[in-house]
């Protein structure tokens, strides 16, 4: 079993093309032996956004702090602390900070196949 504070995990800038002012912490992943799901913590700085992208797996997201919008083919949807977001596989999406402080969220994804 693992019990650790979010802040004890290293935070790295997101290098993916289209990301602006975004950092990520891998909270639970391959190094922990997680074979089914990975949990990540994102921090989107003021004026920042994740890439506008899609991939063949779903996301489950919990907004922890801040506010902004999540972009999808259905249009922009406002998000704030306490909201949950489900992004289906292959749906284009982007998280945009629209506030005056950081937008933070937890993101759960299926573990890559090589972890199984």
PDB file of N, CA and C in Angstrom:
ATOM      1  N   UNK A   1       0.849  -1.175   0.000  1.00  0.00           N
ATOM      2  CA  UNK A   1       0.000   0.000   0.000  1.00  0.00           C
ATOM      3  C   UNK A   1       0.895   1.239   0.000  1.00  0.00           C
ATOM      4  N   UNK A   2       0.435   2.263  -0.656  1.00  0.00           N
ATOM      5  CA  UNK A   2       1.170   3.522  -0.742  1.00  0.00           C
ATOM      6  C   UNK A   2       0.302   4.626  -0.150  1.00  0.00           C
ATOM      7  N   UNK A   3       0.889   5.439   0.721  1.00  0.00           N
ATOM      8  CA  UNK A   3       0.221   6.629   1.253  1.00  0.00           C
ATOM      9  C   UNK A   3       1.252   7.745   1.221  1.00  0.00           C
ATOM     10  N   UNK A   4       1.012   8.744   0.395  1.00  0.00           N
ATOM     11  CA  UNK A   4       1.940   9.863   0.260  1.00  0.00           C
ATOM     12  C   UNK A   4       1.176  11.133  -0.079  1.00  0.00           C
ATOM     13  N   UNK A   5       1.728  12.265   0.320  1.00  0.00           N
ATOM     14  CA  UNK A   5       1.149  13.568  -0.027  1.00  0.00           C
ATOM     15  C   UNK A   5       1.375  13.872  -1.507  1.00  0.00           C
ATOM     16  N   UNK A   6       0.440  14.574  -2.111  1.00  0.00           N
ATOM     17  CA  UNK A   6       0.584  14.983  -3.517  1.00  0.00           C
ATOM     18  C   UNK A   6       1.917  15.685  -3.729  1.00  0.00           C
ATOM     19  N   UNK A   7       2.273  16.585  -2.821  1.00  0.00           N
ATOM     20  CA  UNK A   7       3.481  17.392  -2.978  1.00  0.00           C
ATOM     21  C   UNK A   7       4.764  16.575  -2.936  1.00  0.00           C
ATOM     22  N   UNK A   8       4.703  15.335  -2.441  1.00  0.00           N
ATOM     23  CA  UNK A   8       5.908  14.504  -2.377  1.00  0.00           C
ATOM     24  C   UNK A   8       6.263  13.894  -3.736  1.00  0.00           C
ATOM     25  N   UNK A   9       5.379  14.020  -4.700  1.00  0.00           N
ATOM     26  CA  UNK A   9       5.635  13.499  -6.041  1.00  0.00           C
ATOM     27  C   UNK A   9       6.237  14.613  -6.902  1.00  0.00           C
ATOM     28  N   UNK A  10       7.269  14.314  -7.676  1.00  0.00           N
ATOM     29  CA  UNK A  10       7.880  15.356  -8.506  1.00  0.00           C
ATOM     30  C   UNK A  10       6.894  15.902  -9.542  1.00  0.00           C
ATOM     31  N   UNK A  11       6.968  17.198  -9.747  1.00  0.00           N
ATOM     32  CA  UNK A  11       6.107  17.883 -10.720  1.00  0.00           C
ATOM     33  C   UNK A  11       6.964  18.225 -11.944  1.00  0.00           C
ATOM     34  N   UNK A  12       6.478  17.831 -13.115  1.00  0.00           N
ATOM     35  CA  UNK A  12       7.220  18.057 -14.356  1.00  0.00           C
ATOM     36  C   UNK A  12       6.382  18.878 -15.331  1.00  0.00           C
ATOM     37  N   UNK A  13       7.019  19.759 -16.110  1.00  0.00           N
ATOM     38  CA  UNK A  13       6.278  20.475 -17.153  1.00  0.00           C
ATOM     39  C   UNK A  13       5.777  19.486 -18.208  1.00  0.00           C
ATOM     40  N   UNK A  14       4.582  19.723 -18.713  1.00  0.00           N
ATOM     41  CA  UNK A  14       4.040  18.902 -19.796  1.00  0.00           C
ATOM     42  C   UNK A  14       4.681  19.395 -21.092  1.00  0.00           C
ATOM     43  N   UNK A  15       5.382  18.498 -21.787  1.00  0.00           N
ATOM     44  CA  UNK A  15       6.124  18.849 -22.998  1.00  0.00           C
ATOM     45  C   UNK A  15       5.346  18.583 -24.281  1.00  0.00           C
ATOM     46  N   UNK A  16       4.133  18.096 -24.169  1.00  0.00           N
ATOM     47  CA  UNK A  16       3.333  17.762 -25.344  1.00  0.00           C
ATOM     48  C   UNK A  16       3.046  19.020 -26.162  1.00  0.00           C
ATOM     49  N   UNK A  17       3.143  18.907 -27.490  1.00  0.00           N
ATOM     50  CA  UNK A  17       2.880  20.050 -28.366  1.00  0.00           C
ATOM     51  C   UNK A  17       1.476  20.594 -28.114  1.00  0.00           C
ATOM     52  N   UNK A  18       1.358  21.904 -27.967  1.00  0.00           N
ATOM     53  CA  UNK A  18       0.071  22.548 -27.714  1.00  0.00           C
ATOM     54  C   UNK A  18      -0.189  22.831 -26.251  1.00  0.00           C
ATOM     55  N   UNK A  19       0.628  22.283 -25.351  1.00  0.00           N
ATOM     56  CA  UNK A  19       0.469  22.561 -23.912  1.00  0.00           C
ATOM     57  C   UNK A  19       1.115  23.903 -23.592  1.00  0.00           C
ATOM     58  N   UNK A  20       0.447  24.672 -22.746  1.00  0.00           N
ATOM     59  CA  UNK A  20       0.989  25.958 -22.319  1.00  0.00           C
ATOM     60  C   UNK A  20       0.803  26.115 -20.820  1.00  0.00           C
ATOM     61  N   UNK A  21       1.926  26.253 -20.085  1.00  0.00           N
ATOM     62  CA  UNK A  21       1.899  26.502 -18.647  1.00  0.00           C
ATOM     63  C   UNK A  21       1.174  25.389 -17.888  1.00  0.00           C
ATOM     64  N   UNK A  22       1.549  24.127 -18.184  1.00  0.00           N
ATOM     65  CA  UNK A  22       0.929  22.947 -17.563  1.00  0.00           C
ATOM     66  C   UNK A  22       2.020  22.093 -16.927  1.00  0.00           C
ATOM     67  N   UNK A  23       1.750  21.632 -15.693  1.00  0.00           N
ATOM     68  CA  UNK A  23       2.650  20.720 -14.983  1.00  0.00           C
ATOM     69  C   UNK A  23       1.862  19.485 -14.559  1.00  0.00           C
ATOM     70  N   UNK A  24       2.577  18.353 -14.448  1.00  0.00           N
ATOM     71  CA  UNK A  24       1.930  17.104 -14.071  1.00  0.00           C
ATOM     72  C   UNK A  24       2.753  16.353 -13.022  1.00  0.00           C
ATOM     73  N   UNK A  25       2.050  15.668 -12.123  1.00  0.00           N
ATOM     74  CA  UNK A  25       2.651  14.742 -11.169  1.00  0.00           C
ATOM     75  C   UNK A  25       2.026  13.371 -11.416  1.00  0.00           C
ATOM     76  N   UNK A  26       2.851  12.349 -11.543  1.00  0.00           N
ATOM     77  CA  UNK A  26       2.344  10.976 -11.611  1.00  0.00           C
ATOM     78  C   UNK A  26       2.163  10.516 -10.169  1.00  0.00           C
ATOM     79  N   UNK A  27       0.924  10.363  -9.731  1.00  0.00           N
ATOM     80  CA  UNK A  27       0.648   9.992  -8.340  1.00  0.00           C
ATOM     81  C   UNK A  27       0.696   8.482  -8.140  1.00  0.00           C
ATOM     82  N   UNK A  28       0.093   7.758  -9.066  1.00  0.00           N
ATOM     83  CA  UNK A  28       0.104   6.298  -9.026  1.00  0.00           C
ATOM     84  C   UNK A  28       0.307   5.827 -10.459  1.00  0.00           C
ATOM     85  N   UNK A  29       1.333   5.017 -10.660  1.00  0.00           N
ATOM     86  CA  UNK A  29       1.641   4.585 -12.016  1.00  0.00           C
ATOM     87  C   UNK A  29       2.468   3.324 -12.042  1.00  0.00           C
ATOM     88  N   UNK A  30       3.206   3.179 -13.109  1.00  0.00           N
ATOM     89  CA  UNK A  30       4.020   1.987 -13.353  1.00  0.00           C
ATOM     90  C   UNK A  30       4.957   1.689 -12.188  1.00  0.00           C
ATOM     91  N   UNK A  31       5.617   2.722 -11.661  1.00  0.00           N
ATOM     92  CA  UNK A  31       6.580   2.519 -10.569  1.00  0.00           C
ATOM     93  C   UNK A  31       5.926   1.947  -9.314  1.00  0.00           C
ATOM     94  N   UNK A  32       4.617   2.134  -9.174  1.00  0.00           N
ATOM     95  CA  UNK A  32       3.886   1.619  -8.017  1.00  0.00           C
ATOM     96  C   UNK A  32       3.309   0.232  -8.277  1.00  0.00           C
ATOM     97  N   UNK A  33       3.487  -0.278  -9.489  1.00  0.00           N
ATOM     98  CA  UNK A  33       2.934  -1.581  -9.843  1.00  0.00           C
ATOM     99  C   UNK A  33       1.466  -1.519 -10.218  1.00  0.00           C
ATOM    100  N   UNK A  34       0.956  -0.332 -10.515  1.00  0.00           N
ATOM    101  CA  UNK A  34      -0.450  -0.177 -10.893  1.00  0.00           C
ATOM    102  C   UNK A  34      -0.670  -0.758 -12.288  1.00  0.00           C
ATOM    103  N   UNK A  35      -1.378  -1.864 -12.363  1.00  0.00           N
ATOM    104  CA  UNK A  35      -1.571  -2.582 -13.625  1.00  0.00           C
ATOM    105  C   UNK A  35      -2.844  -2.186 -14.361  1.00  0.00           C
ATOM    106  N   UNK A  36      -3.782  -1.517 -13.691  1.00  0.00           N
ATOM    107  CA  UNK A  36      -5.066  -1.230 -14.319  1.00  0.00           C
ATOM    108  C   UNK A  36      -5.319   0.250 -14.573  1.00  0.00           C
ATOM    109  N   UNK A  37      -4.959   1.114 -13.605  1.00  0.00           N
ATOM    110  CA  UNK A  37      -5.234   2.544 -13.722  1.00  0.00           C
ATOM    111  C   UNK A  37      -4.022   3.344 -13.287  1.00  0.00           C
ATOM    112  N   UNK A  38      -3.877   4.526 -13.858  1.00  0.00           N
ATOM    113  CA  UNK A  38      -2.863   5.484 -13.420  1.00  0.00           C
ATOM    114  C   UNK A  38      -3.570   6.761 -12.992  1.00  0.00           C
ATOM    115  N   UNK A  39      -3.057   7.386 -11.923  1.00  0.00           N
ATOM    116  CA  UNK A  39      -3.628   8.627 -11.404  1.00  0.00           C
ATOM    117  C   UNK A  39      -2.589   9.732 -11.536  1.00  0.00           C
ATOM    118  N   UNK A  40      -3.024  10.843 -12.149  1.00  0.00           N
ATOM    119  CA  UNK A  40      -2.126  11.967 -12.368  1.00  0.00           C
ATOM    120  C   UNK A  40      -2.739  13.241 -11.784  1.00  0.00           C
ATOM    121  N   UNK A  41      -1.894  14.170 -11.391  1.00  0.00           N
ATOM    122  CA  UNK A  41      -2.322  15.464 -10.867  1.00  0.00           C
ATOM    123  C   UNK A  41      -1.789  16.531 -11.821  1.00  0.00           C
ATOM    124  N   UNK A  42      -2.691  17.356 -12.335  1.00  0.00           N
ATOM    125  CA  UNK A  42      -2.305  18.415 -13.261  1.00  0.00           C
ATOM    126  C   UNK A  42      -2.502  19.779 -12.615  1.00  0.00           C
ATOM    127  N   UNK A  43      -1.615  20.688 -12.951  1.00  0.00           N
ATOM    128  CA  UNK A  43      -1.738  22.091 -12.559  1.00  0.00           C
ATOM    129  C   UNK A  43      -1.585  22.933 -13.821  1.00  0.00           C
ATOM    130  N   UNK A  44      -2.660  23.653 -14.161  1.00  0.00           N
ATOM    131  CA  UNK A  44      -2.655  24.535 -15.327  1.00  0.00           C
ATOM    132  C   UNK A  44      -2.571  25.963 -14.794  1.00  0.00           C
ATOM    133  N   UNK A  45      -1.472  26.646 -15.104  1.00  0.00           N
ATOM    134  CA  UNK A  45      -1.261  27.996 -14.613  1.00  0.00           C
ATOM    135  C   UNK A  45      -2.191  28.999 -15.274  1.00  0.00           C
ATOM    136  N   UNK A  46      -2.236  30.189 -14.717  1.00  0.00           N
ATOM    137  CA  UNK A  46      -3.067  31.275 -15.252  1.00  0.00           C
ATOM    138  C   UNK A  46      -2.721  31.484 -16.722  1.00  0.00           C
ATOM    139  N   UNK A  47      -3.746  31.511 -17.568  1.00  0.00           N
ATOM    140  CA  UNK A  47      -3.559  31.682 -19.002  1.00  0.00           C
ATOM    141  C   UNK A  47      -3.127  30.428 -19.726  1.00  0.00           C
ATOM    142  N   UNK A  48      -2.978  29.321 -19.002  1.00  0.00           N
ATOM    143  CA  UNK A  48      -2.493  28.088 -19.603  1.00  0.00           C
ATOM    144  C   UNK A  48      -3.598  27.168 -20.085  1.00  0.00           C
ATOM    145  N   UNK A  49      -3.170  26.106 -20.787  1.00  0.00           N
ATOM    146  CA  UNK A  49      -4.114  25.094 -21.282  1.00  0.00           C
ATOM    147  C   UNK A  49      -3.369  23.821 -21.638  1.00  0.00           C
ATOM    148  N   UNK A  50      -4.091  22.714 -21.572  1.00  0.00           N
ATOM    149  CA  UNK A  50      -3.560  21.443 -22.044  1.00  0.00           C
ATOM    150  C   UNK A  50      -3.652  21.439 -23.572  1.00  0.00           C
ATOM    151  N   UNK A  51      -2.999  20.495 -24.237  1.00  0.00           N
ATOM    152  CA  UNK A  51      -3.138  20.411 -25.692  1.00  0.00           C
ATOM    153  C   UNK A  51      -4.581  20.099 -26.082  1.00  0.00           C
ATOM    154  N   UNK A  52      -4.999  20.548 -27.253  1.00  0.00           N
ATOM    155  CA  UNK A  52      -6.302  20.164 -27.801  1.00  0.00           C
ATOM    156  C   UNK A  52      -6.042  18.879 -28.576  1.00  0.00           C
ATOM    157  N   UNK A  53      -6.440  17.737 -28.005  1.00  0.00           N
ATOM    158  CA  UNK A  53      -6.022  16.452 -28.551  1.00  0.00           C
ATOM    159  C   UNK A  53      -7.050  15.367 -28.259  1.00  0.00           C
ATOM    160  N   UNK A  54      -6.800  14.195 -28.824  1.00  0.00           N
ATOM    161  CA  UNK A  54      -7.627  13.007 -28.574  1.00  0.00           C
ATOM    162  C   UNK A  54      -6.694  11.806 -28.507  1.00  0.00           C
ATOM    163  N   UNK A  55      -7.166  10.731 -27.873  1.00  0.00           N
ATOM    164  CA  UNK A  55      -6.413   9.488 -27.785  1.00  0.00           C
ATOM    165  C   UNK A  55      -7.392   8.338 -27.574  1.00  0.00           C
ATOM    166  N   UNK A  56      -6.939   7.106 -27.771  1.00  0.00           N
ATOM    167  CA  UNK A  56      -7.858   5.966 -27.772  1.00  0.00           C
ATOM    168  C   UNK A  56      -8.241   5.431 -26.395  1.00  0.00           C
ATOM    169  N   UNK A  57      -8.171   6.247 -25.361  1.00  0.00           N
ATOM    170  CA  UNK A  57      -8.593   5.814 -24.028  1.00  0.00           C
ATOM    171  C   UNK A  57      -9.362   6.942 -23.341  1.00  0.00           C
ATOM    172  N   UNK A  58     -10.193   6.563 -22.397  1.00  0.00           N
ATOM    173  CA  UNK A  58     -11.020   7.530 -21.667  1.00  0.00           C
ATOM    174  C   UNK A  58     -10.231   8.189 -20.543  1.00  0.00           C
ATOM    175  N   UNK A  59     -10.774   9.313 -20.057  1.00  0.00           N
ATOM    176  CA  UNK A  59     -10.271  10.005 -18.863  1.00  0.00           C
ATOM    177  C   UNK A  59     -11.417  10.132 -17.870  1.00  0.00           C
ATOM    178  N   UNK A  60     -11.108  10.039 -16.599  1.00  0.00           N
ATOM    179  CA  UNK A  60     -12.013  10.443 -15.526  1.00  0.00           C
ATOM    180  C   UNK A  60     -11.276  11.549 -14.782  1.00  0.00           C
ATOM    181  N   UNK A  61     -11.919  12.705 -14.629  1.00  0.00           N
ATOM    182  CA  UNK A  61     -11.254  13.904 -14.104  1.00  0.00           C
ATOM    183  C   UNK A  61     -12.068  14.473 -12.943  1.00  0.00           C
ATOM    184  N   UNK A  62     -11.367  14.893 -11.881  1.00  0.00           N
ATOM    185  CA  UNK A  62     -11.969  15.604 -10.760  1.00  0.00           C
ATOM    186  C   UNK A  62     -11.262  16.946 -10.635  1.00  0.00           C
ATOM    187  N   UNK A  63     -12.000  18.030 -10.779  1.00  0.00           N
ATOM    188  CA  UNK A  63     -11.437  19.374 -10.652  1.00  0.00           C
ATOM    189  C   UNK A  63     -11.265  19.662  -9.162  1.00  0.00           C
ATOM    190  N   UNK A  64     -10.026  19.959  -8.756  1.00  0.00           N
ATOM    191  CA  UNK A  64      -9.715  20.208  -7.344  1.00  0.00           C
ATOM    192  C   UNK A  64      -9.770  21.681  -6.975  1.00  0.00           C
ATOM    193  N   UNK A  65      -9.274  22.549  -7.860  1.00  0.00           N
ATOM    194  CA  UNK A  65      -9.266  23.983  -7.558  1.00  0.00           C
ATOM    195  C   UNK A  65      -9.270  24.783  -8.847  1.00  0.00           C
ATOM    196  N   UNK A  66      -9.699  26.033  -8.721  1.00  0.00           N
ATOM    197  CA  UNK A  66      -9.708  26.929  -9.866  1.00  0.00           C
ATOM    198  C   UNK A  66     -10.952  26.784 -10.704  1.00  0.00           C
ATOM    199  N   UNK A  67     -10.913  27.416 -11.871  1.00  0.00           N
ATOM    200  CA  UNK A  67     -12.027  27.346 -12.810  1.00  0.00           C
ATOM    201  C   UNK A  67     -11.514  27.590 -14.219  1.00  0.00           C
ATOM    202  N   UNK A  68     -12.345  27.268 -15.172  1.00  0.00           N
ATOM    203  CA  UNK A  68     -11.990  27.429 -16.574  1.00  0.00           C
ATOM    204  C   UNK A  68     -13.028  26.771 -17.448  1.00  0.00           C
ATOM    205  N   UNK A  69     -12.577  26.251 -18.584  1.00  0.00           N
ATOM    206  CA  UNK A  69     -13.472  25.543 -19.495  1.00  0.00           C
ATOM    207  C   UNK A  69     -12.788  24.266 -19.971  1.00  0.00           C
ATOM    208  N   UNK A  70     -13.613  23.289 -20.309  1.00  0.00           N
ATOM    209  CA  UNK A  70     -13.125  22.106 -21.010  1.00  0.00           C
ATOM    210  C   UNK A  70     -13.751  22.180 -22.400  1.00  0.00           C
ATOM    211  N   UNK A  71     -12.905  22.098 -23.412  1.00  0.00           N
ATOM    212  CA  UNK A  71     -13.347  22.172 -24.808  1.00  0.00           C
ATOM    213  C   UNK A  71     -13.573  20.769 -25.334  1.00  0.00           C
ATOM    214  N   UNK A  72     -14.660  20.616 -26.099  1.00  0.00           N
ATOM    215  CA  UNK A  72     -14.993  19.331 -26.701  1.00  0.00           C
ATOM    216  C   UNK A  72     -15.766  19.601 -27.987  1.00  0.00           C
ATOM    217  N   UNK A  73     -16.046  18.565 -28.771  1.00  0.00           N
ATOM    218  CA  UNK A  73     -16.853  18.770 -29.973  1.00  0.00           C
ATOM    219  C   UNK A  73     -18.249  19.327 -29.667  1.00  0.00           C
ATOM    220  N   UNK A  74     -18.723  19.161 -28.436  1.00  0.00           N
ATOM    221  CA  UNK A  74     -20.027  19.702 -28.048  1.00  0.00           C
ATOM    222  C   UNK A  74     -19.944  21.175 -27.642  1.00  0.00           C
ATOM    223  N   UNK A  75     -18.742  21.761 -27.649  1.00  0.00           N
ATOM    224  CA  UNK A  75     -18.555  23.162 -27.278  1.00  0.00           C
ATOM    225  C   UNK A  75     -17.824  23.293 -25.955  1.00  0.00           C
ATOM    226  N   UNK A  76     -17.584  24.526 -25.559  1.00  0.00           N
ATOM    227  CA  UNK A  76     -16.918  24.823 -24.290  1.00  0.00           C
ATOM    228  C   UNK A  76     -17.884  24.636 -23.135  1.00  0.00           C
ATOM    229  N   UNK A  77     -17.423  23.961 -22.075  1.00  0.00           N
ATOM    230  CA  UNK A  77     -18.230  23.746 -20.877  1.00  0.00           C
ATOM    231  C   UNK A  77     -17.476  24.329 -19.695  1.00  0.00           C
ATOM    232  N   UNK A  78     -18.117  25.181 -18.882  1.00  0.00           N
ATOM    233  CA  UNK A  78     -17.429  25.728 -17.713  1.00  0.00           C
ATOM    234  C   UNK A  78     -17.136  24.627 -16.692  1.00  0.00           C
ATOM    235  N   UNK A  79     -15.970  24.749 -16.030  1.00  0.00           N
ATOM    236  CA  UNK A  79     -15.596  23.813 -14.976  1.00  0.00           C
ATOM    237  C   UNK A  79     -15.091  24.594 -13.776  1.00  0.00           C
ATOM    238  N   UNK A  80     -15.293  24.000 -12.585  1.00  0.00           N
ATOM    239  CA  UNK A  80     -14.852  24.629 -11.333  1.00  0.00           C
ATOM    240  C   UNK A  80     -14.563  23.534 -10.322  1.00  0.00           C
ATOM    241  N   UNK A  81     -13.936  23.915  -9.220  1.00  0.00           N
ATOM    242  CA  UNK A  81     -13.620  22.956  -8.159  1.00  0.00           C
ATOM    243  C   UNK A  81     -14.860  22.165  -7.767  1.00  0.00           C
ATOM    244  N   UNK A  82     -14.704  20.855  -7.663  1.00  0.00           N
ATOM    245  CA  UNK A  82     -15.803  19.968  -7.294  1.00  0.00           C
ATOM    246  C   UNK A  82     -16.495  19.324  -8.475  1.00  0.00           C
ATOM    247  N   UNK A  83     -16.213  19.789  -9.703  1.00  0.00           N
ATOM    248  CA  UNK A  83     -16.836  19.196 -10.888  1.00  0.00           C
ATOM    249  C   UNK A  83     -16.107  17.913 -11.281  1.00  0.00           C
ATOM    250  N   UNK A  84     -16.844  16.980 -11.874  1.00  0.00           N
ATOM    251  CA  UNK A  84     -16.258  15.779 -12.461  1.00  0.00           C
ATOM    252  C   UNK A  84     -16.483  15.830 -13.967  1.00  0.00           C
ATOM    253  N   UNK A  85     -15.513  15.310 -14.706  1.00  0.00           N
ATOM    254  CA  UNK A  85     -15.557  15.326 -16.166  1.00  0.00           C
ATOM    255  C   UNK A  85     -15.235  13.923 -16.658  1.00  0.00           C
ATOM    256  N   UNK A  86     -16.039  13.417 -17.569  1.00  0.00           N
ATOM    257  CA  UNK A  86     -15.745  12.160 -18.248  1.00  0.00           C
ATOM    258  C   UNK A  86     -15.451  12.486 -19.701  1.00  0.00           C
ATOM    259  N   UNK A  87     -14.266  12.108 -20.176  1.00  0.00           N
ATOM    260  CA  UNK A  87     -13.873  12.307 -21.566  1.00  0.00           C
ATOM    261  C   UNK A  87     -13.804  10.927 -22.212  1.00  0.00           C
ATOM    262  N   UNK A  88     -14.740  10.617 -23.130  1.00  0.00           N
ATOM    263  CA  UNK A  88     -14.714   9.305 -23.782  1.00  0.00           C
ATOM    264  C   UNK A  88     -13.470   9.136 -24.659  1.00  0.00           C
ATOM    265  N   UNK A  89     -13.136   7.902 -24.944  1.00  0.00           N
ATOM    266  CA  UNK A  89     -12.024   7.601 -25.855  1.00  0.00           C
ATOM    267  C   UNK A  89     -12.254   8.284 -27.193  1.00  0.00           C
ATOM    268  N   UNK A  90     -11.170   8.780 -27.788  1.00  0.00           N
ATOM    269  CA  UNK A  90     -11.147   9.384 -29.122  1.00  0.00           C
ATOM    270  C   UNK A  90     -11.875  10.721 -29.229  1.00  0.00           C
ATOM    271  N   UNK A  91     -12.298  11.310 -28.116  1.00  0.00           N
ATOM    272  CA  UNK A  91     -12.946  12.627 -28.161  1.00  0.00           C
ATOM    273  C   UNK A  91     -11.892  13.723 -27.970  1.00  0.00           C
ATOM    274  N   UNK A  92     -11.861  14.696 -28.894  1.00  0.00           N
ATOM    275  CA  UNK A  92     -10.939  15.819 -28.758  1.00  0.00           C
ATOM    276  C   UNK A  92     -11.350  16.634 -27.534  1.00  0.00           C
ATOM    277  N   UNK A  93     -10.338  17.053 -26.760  1.00  0.00           N
ATOM    278  CA  UNK A  93     -10.614  17.783 -25.530  1.00  0.00           C
ATOM    279  C   UNK A  93      -9.431  18.668 -25.168  1.00  0.00           C
ATOM    280  N   UNK A  94      -9.715  19.675 -24.351  1.00  0.00           N
ATOM    281  CA  UNK A  94      -8.687  20.594 -23.868  1.00  0.00           C
ATOM    282  C   UNK A  94      -9.196  21.248 -22.595  1.00  0.00           C
ATOM    283  N   UNK A  95      -8.328  21.337 -21.582  1.00  0.00           N
ATOM    284  CA  UNK A  95      -8.641  22.019 -20.329  1.00  0.00           C
ATOM    285  C   UNK A  95      -7.957  23.382 -20.363  1.00  0.00           C
ATOM    286  N   UNK A  96      -8.740  24.439 -20.143  1.00  0.00           N
ATOM    287  CA  UNK A  96      -8.249  25.810 -20.240  1.00  0.00           C
ATOM    288  C   UNK A  96      -8.495  26.523 -18.915  1.00  0.00           C
ATOM    289  N   UNK A  97      -7.444  27.112 -18.360  1.00  0.00           N
ATOM    290  CA  UNK A  97      -7.586  27.880 -17.117  1.00  0.00           C
ATOM    291  C   UNK A  97      -8.195  29.236 -17.471  1.00  0.00           C
ATOM    292  N   UNK A  98      -9.331  29.552 -16.865  1.00  0.00           N
ATOM    293  CA  UNK A  98     -10.000  30.826 -17.100  1.00  0.00           C
ATOM    294  C   UNK A  98     -10.016  31.701 -15.867  1.00  0.00           C
ATOM    295  N   UNK A  99      -9.255  31.336 -14.845  1.00  0.00           N
ATOM    296  CA  UNK A  99      -9.303  32.054 -13.577  1.00  0.00           C
ATOM    297  C   UNK A  99      -8.050  32.850 -13.292  1.00  0.00           C
ATOM    298  N   UNK A 100      -7.962  33.309 -12.047  1.00  0.00           N
ATOM    299  CA  UNK A 100      -6.835  34.130 -11.605  1.00  0.00           C
ATOM    300  C   UNK A 100      -5.838  33.335 -10.767  1.00  0.00           C
ATOM    301  N   UNK A 101      -6.081  32.060 -10.598  1.00  0.00           N
ATOM    302  CA  UNK A 101      -5.175  31.154  -9.873  1.00  0.00           C
ATOM    303  C   UNK A 101      -5.055  29.857 -10.635  1.00  0.00           C
ATOM    304  N   UNK A 102      -4.275  28.912 -10.116  1.00  0.00           N
ATOM    305  CA  UNK A 102      -4.098  27.632 -10.815  1.00  0.00           C
ATOM    306  C   UNK A 102      -5.403  26.839 -10.929  1.00  0.00           C
ATOM    307  N   UNK A 103      -5.539  26.133 -12.032  1.00  0.00           N
ATOM    308  CA  UNK A 103      -6.591  25.141 -12.235  1.00  0.00           C
ATOM    309  C   UNK A 103      -5.924  23.794 -11.983  1.00  0.00           C
ATOM    310  N   UNK A 104      -6.375  23.057 -10.962  1.00  0.00           N
ATOM    311  CA  UNK A 104      -5.772  21.768 -10.656  1.00  0.00           C
ATOM    312  C   UNK A 104      -6.821  20.670 -10.755  1.00  0.00           C
ATOM    313  N   UNK A 105      -6.375  19.493 -11.197  1.00  0.00           N
ATOM    314  CA  UNK A 105      -7.309  18.370 -11.294  1.00  0.00           C
ATOM    315  C   UNK A 105      -6.577  17.043 -11.235  1.00  0.00           C
ATOM    316  N   UNK A 106      -7.313  16.028 -10.788  1.00  0.00           N
ATOM    317  CA  UNK A 106      -6.860  14.644 -10.848  1.00  0.00           C
ATOM    318  C   UNK A 106      -7.384  14.044 -12.138  1.00  0.00           C
ATOM    319  N   UNK A 107      -6.571  13.222 -12.764  1.00  0.00           N
ATOM    320  CA  UNK A 107      -6.942  12.575 -14.017  1.00  0.00           C
ATOM    321  C   UNK A 107      -6.594  11.105 -13.906  1.00  0.00           C
ATOM    322  N   UNK A 108      -7.580  10.244 -14.134  1.00  0.00           N
ATOM    323  CA  UNK A 108      -7.365   8.793 -14.119  1.00  0.00           C
ATOM    324  C   UNK A 108      -7.445   8.266 -15.540  1.00  0.00           C
ATOM    325  N   UNK A 109      -6.476   7.410 -15.897  1.00  0.00           N
ATOM    326  CA  UNK A 109      -6.443   6.813 -17.224  1.00  0.00           C
ATOM    327  C   UNK A 109      -6.149   5.320 -17.086  1.00  0.00           C
ATOM    328  N   UNK A 110      -6.489   4.530 -18.106  1.00  0.00           N
ATOM    329  CA  UNK A 110      -6.090   3.122 -18.071  1.00  0.00           C
ATOM    330  C   UNK A 110      -4.566   3.029 -18.121  1.00  0.00           C
ATOM    331  N   UNK A 111      -4.009   2.064 -17.428  1.00  0.00           N
ATOM    332  CA  UNK A 111      -2.565   1.856 -17.474  1.00  0.00           C
ATOM    333  C   UNK A 111      -2.187   1.388 -18.879  1.00  0.00           C
ATOM    334  N   UNK A 112      -1.039   1.858 -19.391  1.00  0.00           N
ATOM    335  CA  UNK A 112      -0.583   1.351 -20.687  1.00  0.00           C
ATOM    336  C   UNK A 112      -0.433  -0.167 -20.637  1.00  0.00           C
ATOM    337  N   UNK A 113      -0.640  -0.826 -21.765  1.00  0.00           N
ATOM    338  CA  UNK A 113      -0.634  -2.290 -21.835  1.00  0.00           C
ATOM    339  C   UNK A 113       0.647  -2.916 -21.275  1.00  0.00           C
ATOM    340  N   UNK A 114       1.795  -2.250 -21.432  1.00  0.00           N
ATOM    341  CA  UNK A 114       3.038  -2.849 -20.952  1.00  0.00           C
ATOM    342  C   UNK A 114       3.079  -2.945 -19.434  1.00  0.00           C
ATOM    343  N   UNK A 115       2.124  -2.288 -18.725  1.00  0.00           N
ATOM    344  CA  UNK A 115       2.080  -2.368 -17.268  1.00  0.00           C
ATOM    345  C   UNK A 115       1.328  -3.603 -16.798  1.00  0.00           C
ATOM    346  N   UNK A 116       0.511  -4.178 -17.653  1.00  0.00           N
ATOM    347  CA  UNK A 116      -0.343  -5.292 -17.242  1.00  0.00           C
ATOM    348  C   UNK A 116       0.451  -6.557 -17.046  1.00  0.00           C
TER     349      UNK A 116
END
